[in-house]
Amino acid sequence: MSDMDVVNADDVAREKVELEGAEKAWIRWLVGHNRDSAAFAMRVFELEPGGCTPYHSHSQHHEMFILEGTATLVGEGGERDVGPGTAVYVPGGEYHQVRNRTEGVLRFICCVSK
């Protein structure tokens, strides 16, 4: 078990998302950020009320899992609200964004291949 990393999300520093188009967005890098051998990155995002990720696309597919709050998913096909316990798959190359239009914090896990 020497190669197994165990990380508690509360022990990982919360960093402001510094990308153009991101607002009131924070990230915690749980897996893959500091380990070159990881095949993917696992992050926890926190969006404050009125916050959002950038509207963007990239070649990697990724998955999200809503932990807390209501996410407005914005994509090429329109918008959809989803809540806790919902899993989301975003294909590579598709434009997407996550928005928090509620009064509470939105928390979700996001995994992306490297």
PDB file of N, CA and C in Angstrom:
ATOM      1  N   MET A   1       0.815  -1.205   0.000  1.00  0.00           N
ATOM      2  CA  MET A   1       0.000   0.000   0.000  1.00  0.00           C
ATOM      3  C   MET A   1       0.852   1.260   0.000  1.00  0.00           C
ATOM      4  N   SER A   2       2.118   1.152  -0.296  1.00  0.00           N
ATOM      5  CA  SER A   2       2.982   2.321  -0.250  1.00  0.00           C
ATOM      6  C   SER A   2       2.663   3.337  -1.340  1.00  0.00           C
ATOM      7  N   ASP A   3       2.017   2.906  -2.441  1.00  0.00           N
ATOM      8  CA  ASP A   3       1.667   3.847  -3.506  1.00  0.00           C
ATOM      9  C   ASP A   3       0.287   4.462  -3.325  1.00  0.00           C
ATOM     10  N   MET A   4      -0.425   4.073  -2.271  1.00  0.00           N
ATOM     11  CA  MET A   4      -1.773   4.578  -2.057  1.00  0.00           C
ATOM     12  C   MET A   4      -1.715   5.919  -1.336  1.00  0.00           C
ATOM     13  N   ASP A   5      -2.344   6.914  -1.910  1.00  0.00           N
ATOM     14  CA  ASP A   5      -2.459   8.220  -1.260  1.00  0.00           C
ATOM     15  C   ASP A   5      -3.857   8.337  -0.681  1.00  0.00           C
ATOM     16  N   VAL A   6      -3.942   8.848   0.526  1.00  0.00           N
ATOM     17  CA  VAL A   6      -5.226   9.094   1.169  1.00  0.00           C
ATOM     18  C   VAL A   6      -5.278  10.578   1.491  1.00  0.00           C
ATOM     19  N   VAL A   7      -6.327  11.240   0.994  1.00  0.00           N
ATOM     20  CA  VAL A   7      -6.428  12.685   1.152  1.00  0.00           C
ATOM     21  C   VAL A   7      -7.820  13.039   1.679  1.00  0.00           C
ATOM     22  N   ASN A   8      -7.857  13.859   2.711  1.00  0.00           N
ATOM     23  CA  ASN A   8      -9.117  14.411   3.193  1.00  0.00           C
ATOM     24  C   ASN A   8      -9.275  15.783   2.549  1.00  0.00           C
ATOM     25  N   ALA A   9     -10.382  15.997   1.878  1.00  0.00           N
ATOM     26  CA  ALA A   9     -10.597  17.252   1.141  1.00  0.00           C
ATOM     27  C   ALA A   9     -10.451  18.482   2.036  1.00  0.00           C
ATOM     28  N   ASP A  10     -10.852  18.376   3.306  1.00  0.00           N
ATOM     29  CA  ASP A  10     -10.746  19.516   4.207  1.00  0.00           C
ATOM     30  C   ASP A  10      -9.302  19.876   4.538  1.00  0.00           C
ATOM     31  N   ASP A  11      -8.376  18.935   4.298  1.00  0.00           N
ATOM     32  CA  ASP A  11      -6.958  19.184   4.555  1.00  0.00           C
ATOM     33  C   ASP A  11      -6.225  19.779   3.357  1.00  0.00           C
ATOM     34  N   VAL A  12      -6.901  19.880   2.223  1.00  0.00           N
ATOM     35  CA  VAL A  12      -6.294  20.399   0.998  1.00  0.00           C
ATOM     36  C   VAL A  12      -6.613  21.887   0.880  1.00  0.00           C
ATOM     37  N   ALA A  13      -5.605  22.676   0.579  1.00  0.00           N
ATOM     38  CA  ALA A  13      -5.789  24.121   0.463  1.00  0.00           C
ATOM     39  C   ALA A  13      -6.812  24.465  -0.614  1.00  0.00           C
ATOM     40  N   ARG A  14      -7.664  25.396  -0.304  1.00  0.00           N
ATOM     41  CA  ARG A  14      -8.658  25.897  -1.257  1.00  0.00           C
ATOM     42  C   ARG A  14      -8.021  27.058  -2.012  1.00  0.00           C
ATOM     43  N   GLU A  15      -8.011  26.949  -3.363  1.00  0.00           N
ATOM     44  CA  GLU A  15      -7.391  27.971  -4.203  1.00  0.00           C
ATOM     45  C   GLU A  15      -8.450  28.652  -5.052  1.00  0.00           C
ATOM     46  N   LYS A  16      -8.296  29.935  -5.251  1.00  0.00           N
ATOM     47  CA  LYS A  16      -9.210  30.671  -6.127  1.00  0.00           C
ATOM     48  C   LYS A  16      -8.963  30.246  -7.568  1.00  0.00           C
ATOM     49  N   VAL A  17     -10.019  30.008  -8.319  1.00  0.00           N
ATOM     50  CA  VAL A  17      -9.889  29.671  -9.745  1.00  0.00           C
ATOM     51  C   VAL A  17      -9.567  30.961 -10.480  1.00  0.00           C
ATOM     52  N   GLU A  18      -8.382  31.031 -11.062  1.00  0.00           N
ATOM     53  CA  GLU A  18      -7.892  32.246 -11.714  1.00  0.00           C
ATOM     54  C   GLU A  18      -7.959  32.121 -13.233  1.00  0.00           C
ATOM     55  N   LEU A  19      -9.087  31.726 -13.760  1.00  0.00           N
ATOM     56  CA  LEU A  19      -9.278  31.617 -15.209  1.00  0.00           C
ATOM     57  C   LEU A  19     -10.252  32.685 -15.677  1.00  0.00           C
ATOM     58  N   GLU A  20     -10.012  33.224 -16.854  1.00  0.00           N
ATOM     59  CA  GLU A  20     -10.912  34.227 -17.401  1.00  0.00           C
ATOM     60  C   GLU A  20     -12.313  33.637 -17.516  1.00  0.00           C
ATOM     61  N   GLY A  21     -13.282  34.350 -16.976  1.00  0.00           N
ATOM     62  CA  GLY A  21     -14.667  33.899 -17.016  1.00  0.00           C
ATOM     63  C   GLY A  21     -15.120  33.206 -15.751  1.00  0.00           C
ATOM     64  N   ALA A  22     -14.186  32.844 -14.867  1.00  0.00           N
ATOM     65  CA  ALA A  22     -14.553  32.234 -13.588  1.00  0.00           C
ATOM     66  C   ALA A  22     -14.875  33.337 -12.585  1.00  0.00           C
ATOM     67  N   GLU A  23     -15.921  33.136 -11.819  1.00  0.00           N
ATOM     68  CA  GLU A  23     -16.319  34.100 -10.805  1.00  0.00           C
ATOM     69  C   GLU A  23     -16.670  33.371  -9.524  1.00  0.00           C
ATOM     70  N   LYS A  24     -16.161  33.851  -8.408  1.00  0.00           N
ATOM     71  CA  LYS A  24     -16.486  33.305  -7.098  1.00  0.00           C
ATOM     72  C   LYS A  24     -16.327  31.788  -7.084  1.00  0.00           C
ATOM     73  N   ALA A  25     -15.234  31.314  -7.672  1.00  0.00           N
ATOM     74  CA  ALA A  25     -14.993  29.881  -7.838  1.00  0.00           C
ATOM     75  C   ALA A  25     -13.704  29.482  -7.125  1.00  0.00           C
ATOM     76  N   TRP A  26     -13.763  28.357  -6.416  1.00  0.00           N
ATOM     77  CA  TRP A  26     -12.643  27.830  -5.653  1.00  0.00           C
ATOM     78  C   TRP A  26     -12.424  26.373  -6.016  1.00  0.00           C
ATOM     79  N   ILE A  27     -11.176  25.909  -5.885  1.00  0.00           N
ATOM     80  CA  ILE A  27     -10.833  24.536  -6.249  1.00  0.00           C
ATOM     81  C   ILE A  27      -9.924  23.927  -5.191  1.00  0.00           C
ATOM     82  N   ARG A  28     -10.107  22.637  -4.956  1.00  0.00           N
ATOM     83  CA  ARG A  28      -9.209  21.838  -4.119  1.00  0.00           C
ATOM     84  C   ARG A  28      -8.735  20.674  -4.992  1.00  0.00           C
ATOM     85  N   TRP A  29      -7.432  20.570  -5.217  1.00  0.00           N
ATOM     86  CA  TRP A  29      -6.855  19.498  -6.031  1.00  0.00           C
ATOM     87  C   TRP A  29      -6.649  18.278  -5.151  1.00  0.00           C
ATOM     88  N   LEU A  30      -7.443  17.231  -5.338  1.00  0.00           N
ATOM     89  CA  LEU A  30      -7.363  16.046  -4.491  1.00  0.00           C
ATOM     90  C   LEU A  30      -6.418  14.991  -5.044  1.00  0.00           C
ATOM     91  N   VAL A  31      -6.473  14.727  -6.340  1.00  0.00           N
ATOM     92  CA  VAL A  31      -5.664  13.683  -6.982  1.00  0.00           C
ATOM     93  C   VAL A  31      -5.123  14.225  -8.294  1.00  0.00           C
ATOM     94  N   GLY A  32      -3.870  13.907  -8.595  1.00  0.00           N
ATOM     95  CA  GLY A  32      -3.316  14.206  -9.913  1.00  0.00           C
ATOM     96  C   GLY A  32      -2.566  15.507 -10.042  1.00  0.00           C
ATOM     97  N   HIS A  33      -2.803  16.461  -9.180  1.00  0.00           N
ATOM     98  CA  HIS A  33      -2.157  17.759  -9.305  1.00  0.00           C
ATOM     99  C   HIS A  33      -0.661  17.666  -9.009  1.00  0.00           C
ATOM    100  N   ASN A  34      -0.298  16.875  -8.015  1.00  0.00           N
ATOM    101  CA  ASN A  34       1.106  16.764  -7.614  1.00  0.00           C
ATOM    102  C   ASN A  34       1.664  15.363  -7.831  1.00  0.00           C
ATOM    103  N   ARG A  35       0.999  14.579  -8.658  1.00  0.00           N
ATOM    104  CA  ARG A  35       1.466  13.202  -8.892  1.00  0.00           C
ATOM    105  C   ARG A  35       1.453  12.947 -10.393  1.00  0.00           C
ATOM    106  N   ASP A  36       2.628  12.900 -10.997  1.00  0.00           N
ATOM    107  CA  ASP A  36       2.737  12.756 -12.451  1.00  0.00           C
ATOM    108  C   ASP A  36       2.155  11.458 -12.978  1.00  0.00           C
ATOM    109  N   SER A  37       2.133  10.404 -12.153  1.00  0.00           N
ATOM    110  CA  SER A  37       1.673   9.110 -12.633  1.00  0.00           C
ATOM    111  C   SER A  37       0.152   8.996 -12.695  1.00  0.00           C
ATOM    112  N   ALA A  38      -0.558   9.938 -12.140  1.00  0.00           N
ATOM    113  CA  ALA A  38      -2.024   9.865 -12.140  1.00  0.00           C
ATOM    114  C   ALA A  38      -2.548  10.020 -13.567  1.00  0.00           C
ATOM    115  N   ALA A  39      -3.521   9.207 -13.928  1.00  0.00           N
ATOM    116  CA  ALA A  39      -4.110   9.249 -15.269  1.00  0.00           C
ATOM    117  C   ALA A  39      -5.193  10.315 -15.382  1.00  0.00           C
ATOM    118  N   PHE A  40      -5.626  10.843 -14.250  1.00  0.00           N
ATOM    119  CA  PHE A  40      -6.671  11.858 -14.245  1.00  0.00           C
ATOM    120  C   PHE A  40      -6.452  12.776 -13.053  1.00  0.00           C
ATOM    121  N   ALA A  41      -7.184  13.853 -13.031  1.00  0.00           N
ATOM    122  CA  ALA A  41      -7.175  14.764 -11.896  1.00  0.00           C
ATOM    123  C   ALA A  41      -8.563  14.756 -11.270  1.00  0.00           C
ATOM    124  N   MET A  42      -8.606  14.719  -9.944  1.00  0.00           N
ATOM    125  CA  MET A  42      -9.862  14.823  -9.210  1.00  0.00           C
ATOM    126  C   MET A  42      -9.807  16.107  -8.396  1.00  0.00           C
ATOM    127  N   ARG A  43     -10.837  16.929  -8.588  1.00  0.00           N
ATOM    128  CA  ARG A  43     -10.886  18.207  -7.899  1.00  0.00           C
ATOM    129  C   ARG A  43     -12.257  18.365  -7.242  1.00  0.00           C
ATOM    130  N   VAL A  44     -12.316  19.166  -6.187  1.00  0.00           N
ATOM    131  CA  VAL A  44     -13.588  19.598  -5.623  1.00  0.00           C
ATOM    132  C   VAL A  44     -13.689  21.090  -5.894  1.00  0.00           C
ATOM    133  N   PHE A  45     -14.766  21.473  -6.556  1.00  0.00           N
ATOM    134  CA  PHE A  45     -15.038  22.882  -6.822  1.00  0.00           C
ATOM    135  C   PHE A  45     -16.077  23.390  -5.834  1.00  0.00           C
ATOM    136  N   GLU A  46     -15.932  24.636  -5.437  1.00  0.00           N
ATOM    137  CA  GLU A  46     -16.924  25.321  -4.625  1.00  0.00           C
ATOM    138  C   GLU A  46     -17.248  26.627  -5.328  1.00  0.00           C
ATOM    139  N   LEU A  47     -18.529  26.827  -5.618  1.00  0.00           N
ATOM    140  CA  LEU A  47     -18.978  28.074  -6.237  1.00  0.00           C
ATOM    141  C   LEU A  47     -19.851  28.810  -5.232  1.00  0.00           C
ATOM    142  N   GLU A  48     -19.469  30.022  -4.925  1.00  0.00           N
ATOM    143  CA  GLU A  48     -20.271  30.855  -4.042  1.00  0.00           C
ATOM    144  C   GLU A  48     -21.537  31.279  -4.784  1.00  0.00           C
ATOM    145  N   PRO A  49     -22.545  31.789  -4.070  1.00  0.00           N
ATOM    146  CA  PRO A  49     -23.737  32.285  -4.760  1.00  0.00           C
ATOM    147  C   PRO A  49     -23.344  33.286  -5.857  1.00  0.00           C
ATOM    148  N   GLY A  50     -23.874  33.092  -7.054  1.00  0.00           N
ATOM    149  CA  GLY A  50     -23.551  33.943  -8.194  1.00  0.00           C
ATOM    150  C   GLY A  50     -22.273  33.550  -8.905  1.00  0.00           C
ATOM    151  N   GLY A  51     -21.604  32.485  -8.436  1.00  0.00           N
ATOM    152  CA  GLY A  51     -20.332  32.064  -9.016  1.00  0.00           C
ATOM    153  C   GLY A  51     -20.513  31.169 -10.236  1.00  0.00           C
ATOM    154  N   CYS A  52     -19.430  31.024 -11.009  1.00  0.00           N
ATOM    155  CA  CYS A  52     -19.464  30.166 -12.198  1.00  0.00           C
ATOM    156  C   CYS A  52     -18.056  29.761 -12.610  1.00  0.00           C
ATOM    157  N   THR A  53     -17.988  28.672 -13.354  1.00  0.00           N
ATOM    158  CA  THR A  53     -16.760  28.296 -14.040  1.00  0.00           C
ATOM    159  C   THR A  53     -16.782  28.997 -15.392  1.00  0.00           C
ATOM    160  N   PRO A  54     -15.663  29.064 -16.105  1.00  0.00           N
ATOM    161  CA  PRO A  54     -15.683  29.675 -17.436  1.00  0.00           C
ATOM    162  C   PRO A  54     -16.521  28.838 -18.411  1.00  0.00           C
ATOM    163  N   TYR A  55     -17.069  29.464 -19.418  1.00  0.00           N
ATOM    164  CA  TYR A  55     -17.701  28.737 -20.518  1.00  0.00           C
ATOM    165  C   TYR A  55     -16.558  28.363 -21.445  1.00  0.00           C
ATOM    166  N   HIS A  56     -16.255  27.063 -21.562  1.00  0.00           N
ATOM    167  CA  HIS A  56     -15.043  26.628 -22.249  1.00  0.00           C
ATOM    168  C   HIS A  56     -15.207  25.222 -22.794  1.00  0.00           C
ATOM    169  N   SER A  57     -14.234  24.811 -23.582  1.00  0.00           N
ATOM    170  CA  SER A  57     -14.153  23.426 -24.034  1.00  0.00           C
ATOM    171  C   SER A  57     -12.689  23.005 -23.986  1.00  0.00           C
ATOM    172  N   HIS A  58     -12.481  21.700 -23.945  1.00  0.00           N
ATOM    173  CA  HIS A  58     -11.139  21.127 -24.000  1.00  0.00           C
ATOM    174  C   HIS A  58     -11.265  19.710 -24.525  1.00  0.00           C
ATOM    175  N   SER A  59     -10.160  19.122 -24.925  1.00  0.00           N
ATOM    176  CA  SER A  59     -10.213  17.818 -25.588  1.00  0.00           C
ATOM    177  C   SER A  59     -10.554  16.666 -24.642  1.00  0.00           C
ATOM    178  N   GLN A  60     -10.279  16.823 -23.351  1.00  0.00           N
ATOM    179  CA  GLN A  60     -10.537  15.739 -22.409  1.00  0.00           C
ATOM    180  C   GLN A  60     -12.018  15.661 -22.041  1.00  0.00           C
ATOM    181  N   HIS A  61     -12.488  14.424 -21.873  1.00  0.00           N
ATOM    182  CA  HIS A  61     -13.827  14.250 -21.299  1.00  0.00           C
ATOM    183  C   HIS A  61     -13.681  14.363 -19.791  1.00  0.00           C
ATOM    184  N   HIS A  62     -14.784  14.643 -19.119  1.00  0.00           N
ATOM    185  CA  HIS A  62     -14.724  14.632 -17.666  1.00  0.00           C
ATOM    186  C   HIS A  62     -16.089  14.343 -17.058  1.00  0.00           C
ATOM    187  N   GLU A  63     -16.022  14.015 -15.778  1.00  0.00           N
ATOM    188  CA  GLU A  63     -17.217  13.658 -15.039  1.00  0.00           C
ATOM    189  C   GLU A  63     -17.334  14.571 -13.824  1.00  0.00           C
ATOM    190  N   MET A  64     -18.583  14.848 -13.446  1.00  0.00           N
ATOM    191  CA  MET A  64     -18.847  15.652 -12.261  1.00  0.00           C
ATOM    192  C   MET A  64     -19.850  14.926 -11.388  1.00  0.00           C
ATOM    193  N   PHE A  65     -19.794  15.180 -10.091  1.00  0.00           N
ATOM    194  CA  PHE A  65     -20.758  14.638  -9.147  1.00  0.00           C
ATOM    195  C   PHE A  65     -21.119  15.760  -8.184  1.00  0.00           C
ATOM    196  N   ILE A  66     -22.396  16.103  -8.130  1.00  0.00           N
ATOM    197  CA  ILE A  66     -22.863  17.216  -7.299  1.00  0.00           C
ATOM    198  C   ILE A  66     -22.971  16.746  -5.850  1.00  0.00           C
ATOM    199  N   LEU A  67     -22.245  17.427  -4.967  1.00  0.00           N
ATOM    200  CA  LEU A  67     -22.248  17.092  -3.546  1.00  0.00           C
ATOM    201  C   LEU A  67     -23.272  17.906  -2.762  1.00  0.00           C
ATOM    202  N   GLU A  68     -23.340  19.195  -3.066  1.00  0.00           N
ATOM    203  CA  GLU A  68     -24.160  20.113  -2.270  1.00  0.00           C
ATOM    204  C   GLU A  68     -24.614  21.265  -3.150  1.00  0.00           C
ATOM    205  N   GLY A  69     -25.866  21.674  -3.026  1.00  0.00           N
ATOM    206  CA  GLY A  69     -26.391  22.809  -3.769  1.00  0.00           C
ATOM    207  C   GLY A  69     -27.009  22.399  -5.089  1.00  0.00           C
ATOM    208  N   THR A  70     -27.382  23.405  -5.862  1.00  0.00           N
ATOM    209  CA  THR A  70     -27.979  23.190  -7.181  1.00  0.00           C
ATOM    210  C   THR A  70     -27.086  23.818  -8.234  1.00  0.00           C
ATOM    211  N   ALA A  71     -26.699  23.014  -9.222  1.00  0.00           N
ATOM    212  CA  ALA A  71     -25.846  23.485 -10.314  1.00  0.00           C
ATOM    213  C   ALA A  71     -26.705  23.753 -11.535  1.00  0.00           C
ATOM    214  N   THR A  72     -26.465  24.863 -12.179  1.00  0.00           N
ATOM    215  CA  THR A  72     -27.032  25.105 -13.495  1.00  0.00           C
ATOM    216  C   THR A  72     -25.952  24.737 -14.493  1.00  0.00           C
ATOM    217  N   LEU A  73     -26.202  23.668 -15.258  1.00  0.00           N
ATOM    218  CA  LEU A  73     -25.270  23.228 -16.284  1.00  0.00           C
ATOM    219  C   LEU A  73     -25.588  23.975 -17.564  1.00  0.00           C
ATOM    220  N   VAL A  74     -24.610  24.650 -18.121  1.00  0.00           N
ATOM    221  CA  VAL A  74     -24.772  25.397 -19.359  1.00  0.00           C
ATOM    222  C   VAL A  74     -23.957  24.682 -20.426  1.00  0.00           C
ATOM    223  N   GLY A  75     -24.599  24.318 -21.513  1.00  0.00           N
ATOM    224  CA  GLY A  75     -23.906  23.618 -22.586  1.00  0.00           C
ATOM    225  C   GLY A  75     -24.411  24.054 -23.940  1.00  0.00           C
ATOM    226  N   GLU A  76     -23.901  23.425 -24.954  1.00  0.00           N
ATOM    227  CA  GLU A  76     -24.282  23.767 -26.321  1.00  0.00           C
ATOM    228  C   GLU A  76     -25.771  23.533 -26.573  1.00  0.00           C
ATOM    229  N   GLY A  77     -26.378  22.624 -25.812  1.00  0.00           N
ATOM    230  CA  GLY A  77     -27.793  22.310 -25.992  1.00  0.00           C
ATOM    231  C   GLY A  77     -28.724  23.065 -25.070  1.00  0.00           C
ATOM    232  N   GLY A  78     -28.207  24.007 -24.284  1.00  0.00           N
ATOM    233  CA  GLY A  78     -29.051  24.781 -23.381  1.00  0.00           C
ATOM    234  C   GLY A  78     -28.605  24.657 -21.941  1.00  0.00           C
ATOM    235  N   GLU A  79     -29.578  24.835 -21.021  1.00  0.00           N
ATOM    236  CA  GLU A  79     -29.293  24.820 -19.595  1.00  0.00           C
ATOM    237  C   GLU A  79     -30.150  23.788 -18.886  1.00  0.00           C
ATOM    238  N   ARG A  80     -29.621  23.299 -17.760  1.00  0.00           N
ATOM    239  CA  ARG A  80     -30.350  22.315 -16.958  1.00  0.00           C
ATOM    240  C   ARG A  80     -29.890  22.429 -15.517  1.00  0.00           C
ATOM    241  N   ASP A  81     -30.827  22.430 -14.583  1.00  0.00           N
ATOM    242  CA  ASP A  81     -30.507  22.460 -13.158  1.00  0.00           C
ATOM    243  C   ASP A  81     -30.449  21.039 -12.619  1.00  0.00           C
ATOM    244  N   VAL A  82     -29.414  20.751 -11.818  1.00  0.00           N
ATOM    245  CA  VAL A  82     -29.251  19.438 -11.190  1.00  0.00           C
ATOM    246  C   VAL A  82     -28.829  19.630  -9.741  1.00  0.00           C
ATOM    247  N   GLY A  83     -29.195  18.658  -8.899  1.00  0.00           N
ATOM    248  CA  GLY A  83     -28.914  18.769  -7.480  1.00  0.00           C
ATOM    249  C   GLY A  83     -28.023  17.669  -6.955  1.00  0.00           C
ATOM    250  N   PRO A  84     -27.877  17.614  -5.630  1.00  0.00           N
ATOM    251  CA  PRO A  84     -27.002  16.639  -4.984  1.00  0.00           C
ATOM    252  C   PRO A  84     -27.325  15.208  -5.393  1.00  0.00           C
ATOM    253  N   GLY A  85     -26.264  14.420  -5.556  1.00  0.00           N
ATOM    254  CA  GLY A  85     -26.420  13.032  -5.945  1.00  0.00           C
ATOM    255  C   GLY A  85     -26.463  12.812  -7.438  1.00  0.00           C
ATOM    256  N   THR A  86     -26.337  13.879  -8.223  1.00  0.00           N
ATOM    257  CA  THR A  86     -26.398  13.790  -9.681  1.00  0.00           C
ATOM    258  C   THR A  86     -24.996  13.668 -10.267  1.00  0.00           C
ATOM    259  N   ALA A  87     -24.829  12.722 -11.188  1.00  0.00           N
ATOM    260  CA  ALA A  87     -23.571  12.560 -11.921  1.00  0.00           C
ATOM    261  C   ALA A  87     -23.748  13.142 -13.314  1.00  0.00           C
ATOM    262  N   VAL A  88     -22.704  13.766 -13.835  1.00  0.00           N
ATOM    263  CA  VAL A  88     -22.739  14.428 -15.136  1.00  0.00           C
ATOM    264  C   VAL A  88     -21.514  14.002 -15.936  1.00  0.00           C
ATOM    265  N   TYR A  89     -21.705  13.655 -17.194  1.00  0.00           N
ATOM    266  CA  TYR A  89     -20.606  13.336 -18.102  1.00  0.00           C
ATOM    267  C   TYR A  89     -20.549  14.420 -19.175  1.00  0.00           C
ATOM    268  N   VAL A  90     -19.371  14.998 -19.382  1.00  0.00           N
ATOM    269  CA  VAL A  90     -19.165  16.013 -20.420  1.00  0.00           C
ATOM    270  C   VAL A  90     -18.157  15.457 -21.421  1.00  0.00           C
ATOM    271  N   PRO A  91     -18.571  15.226 -22.677  1.00  0.00           N
ATOM    272  CA  PRO A  91     -17.640  14.703 -23.683  1.00  0.00           C
ATOM    273  C   PRO A  91     -16.551  15.726 -24.019  1.00  0.00           C
ATOM    274  N   GLY A  92     -15.400  15.234 -24.406  1.00  0.00           N
ATOM    275  CA  GLY A  92     -14.327  16.118 -24.849  1.00  0.00           C
ATOM    276  C   GLY A  92     -14.786  16.952 -26.030  1.00  0.00           C
ATOM    277  N   GLY A  93     -14.376  18.206 -26.070  1.00  0.00           N
ATOM    278  CA  GLY A  93     -14.712  19.104 -27.170  1.00  0.00           C
ATOM    279  C   GLY A  93     -16.023  19.847 -27.008  1.00  0.00           C
ATOM    280  N   GLU A  94     -16.831  19.492 -26.006  1.00  0.00           N
ATOM    281  CA  GLU A  94     -18.126  20.169 -25.824  1.00  0.00           C
ATOM    282  C   GLU A  94     -17.957  21.394 -24.934  1.00  0.00           C
ATOM    283  N   TYR A  95     -18.526  22.516 -25.373  1.00  0.00           N
ATOM    284  CA  TYR A  95     -18.519  23.711 -24.537  1.00  0.00           C
ATOM    285  C   TYR A  95     -19.433  23.489 -23.344  1.00  0.00           C
ATOM    286  N   HIS A  96     -18.978  23.954 -22.160  1.00  0.00           N
ATOM    287  CA  HIS A  96     -19.738  23.740 -20.940  1.00  0.00           C
ATOM    288  C   HIS A  96     -19.360  24.772 -19.885  1.00  0.00           C
ATOM    289  N   GLN A  97     -20.261  24.909 -18.920  1.00  0.00           N
ATOM    290  CA  GLN A  97     -20.064  25.822 -17.802  1.00  0.00           C
ATOM    291  C   GLN A  97     -20.957  25.350 -16.656  1.00  0.00           C
ATOM    292  N   VAL A  98     -20.522  25.610 -15.427  1.00  0.00           N
ATOM    293  CA  VAL A  98     -21.340  25.349 -14.247  1.00  0.00           C
ATOM    294  C   VAL A  98     -21.577  26.682 -13.565  1.00  0.00           C
ATOM    295  N   ARG A  99     -22.846  26.958 -13.249  1.00  0.00           N
ATOM    296  CA  ARG A  99     -23.221  28.213 -12.596  1.00  0.00           C
ATOM    297  C   ARG A  99     -23.949  27.910 -11.294  1.00  0.00           C
ATOM    298  N   ASN A 100     -23.799  28.784 -10.321  1.00  0.00           N
ATOM    299  CA  ASN A 100     -24.552  28.705  -9.071  1.00  0.00           C
ATOM    300  C   ASN A 100     -25.468  29.915  -8.997  1.00  0.00           C
ATOM    301  N   ARG A 101     -26.748  29.703  -9.264  1.00  0.00           N
ATOM    302  CA  ARG A 101     -27.726  30.792  -9.242  1.00  0.00           C
ATOM    303  C   ARG A 101     -28.544  30.784  -7.959  1.00  0.00           C
ATOM    304  N   THR A 102     -28.064  30.057  -6.955  1.00  0.00           N
ATOM    305  CA  THR A 102     -28.795  29.955  -5.696  1.00  0.00           C
ATOM    306  C   THR A 102     -28.140  30.825  -4.626  1.00  0.00           C
ATOM    307  N   GLU A 103     -28.739  30.815  -3.450  1.00  0.00           N
ATOM    308  CA  GLU A 103     -28.214  31.596  -2.317  1.00  0.00           C
ATOM    309  C   GLU A 103     -27.219  30.801  -1.480  1.00  0.00           C
ATOM    310  N   GLY A 104     -27.056  29.497  -1.756  1.00  0.00           N
ATOM    311  CA  GLY A 104     -26.132  28.659  -0.999  1.00  0.00           C
ATOM    312  C   GLY A 104     -24.904  28.299  -1.810  1.00  0.00           C
ATOM    313  N   VAL A 105     -23.959  27.641  -1.159  1.00  0.00           N
ATOM    314  CA  VAL A 105     -22.728  27.195  -1.810  1.00  0.00           C
ATOM    315  C   VAL A 105     -23.014  25.957  -2.654  1.00  0.00           C
ATOM    316  N   LEU A 106     -22.397  25.875  -3.818  1.00  0.00           N
ATOM    317  CA  LEU A 106     -22.453  24.708  -4.689  1.00  0.00           C
ATOM    318  C   LEU A 106     -21.108  24.007  -4.589  1.00  0.00           C
ATOM    319  N   ARG A 107     -21.128  22.703  -4.262  1.00  0.00           N
ATOM    320  CA  ARG A 107     -19.898  21.904  -4.188  1.00  0.00           C
ATOM    321  C   ARG A 107     -20.056  20.705  -5.096  1.00  0.00           C
ATOM    322  N   PHE A 108     -19.022  20.456  -5.919  1.00  0.00           N
ATOM    323  CA  PHE A 108     -19.058  19.276  -6.788  1.00  0.00           C
ATOM    324  C   PHE A 108     -17.662  18.749  -7.028  1.00  0.00           C
ATOM    325  N   ILE A 109     -17.611  17.427  -7.251  1.00  0.00           N
ATOM    326  CA  ILE A 109     -16.365  16.761  -7.628  1.00  0.00           C
ATOM    327  C   ILE A 109     -16.275  16.809  -9.144  1.00  0.00           C
ATOM    328  N   CYS A 110     -15.093  17.052  -9.671  1.00  0.00           N
ATOM    329  CA  CYS A 110     -14.870  17.041 -11.098  1.00  0.00           C
ATOM    330  C   CYS A 110     -13.601  16.246 -11.384  1.00  0.00           C
ATOM    331  N   CYS A 111     -13.722  15.219 -12.220  1.00  0.00           N
ATOM    332  CA  CYS A 111     -12.574  14.405 -12.636  1.00  0.00           C
ATOM    333  C   CYS A 111     -12.352  14.618 -14.126  1.00  0.00           C
ATOM    334  N   VAL A 112     -11.103  14.799 -14.506  1.00  0.00           N
ATOM    335  CA  VAL A 112     -10.761  15.016 -15.899  1.00  0.00           C
ATOM    336  C   VAL A 112      -9.514  14.186 -16.223  1.00  0.00           C
ATOM    337  N   SER A 113      -9.509  13.568 -17.396  1.00  0.00           N
ATOM    338  CA  SER A 113      -8.333  12.789 -17.799  1.00  0.00           C
ATOM    339  C   SER A 113      -7.188  13.741 -18.120  1.00  0.00           C
ATOM    340  N   LYS A 114      -5.968  13.225 -17.990  1.00  0.00           N
ATOM    341  CA  LYS A 114      -4.790  14.061 -18.249  1.00  0.00           C
ATOM    342  C   LYS A 114      -4.237  13.794 -19.627  1.00  0.00           C
TER     343      LYS A 114
END
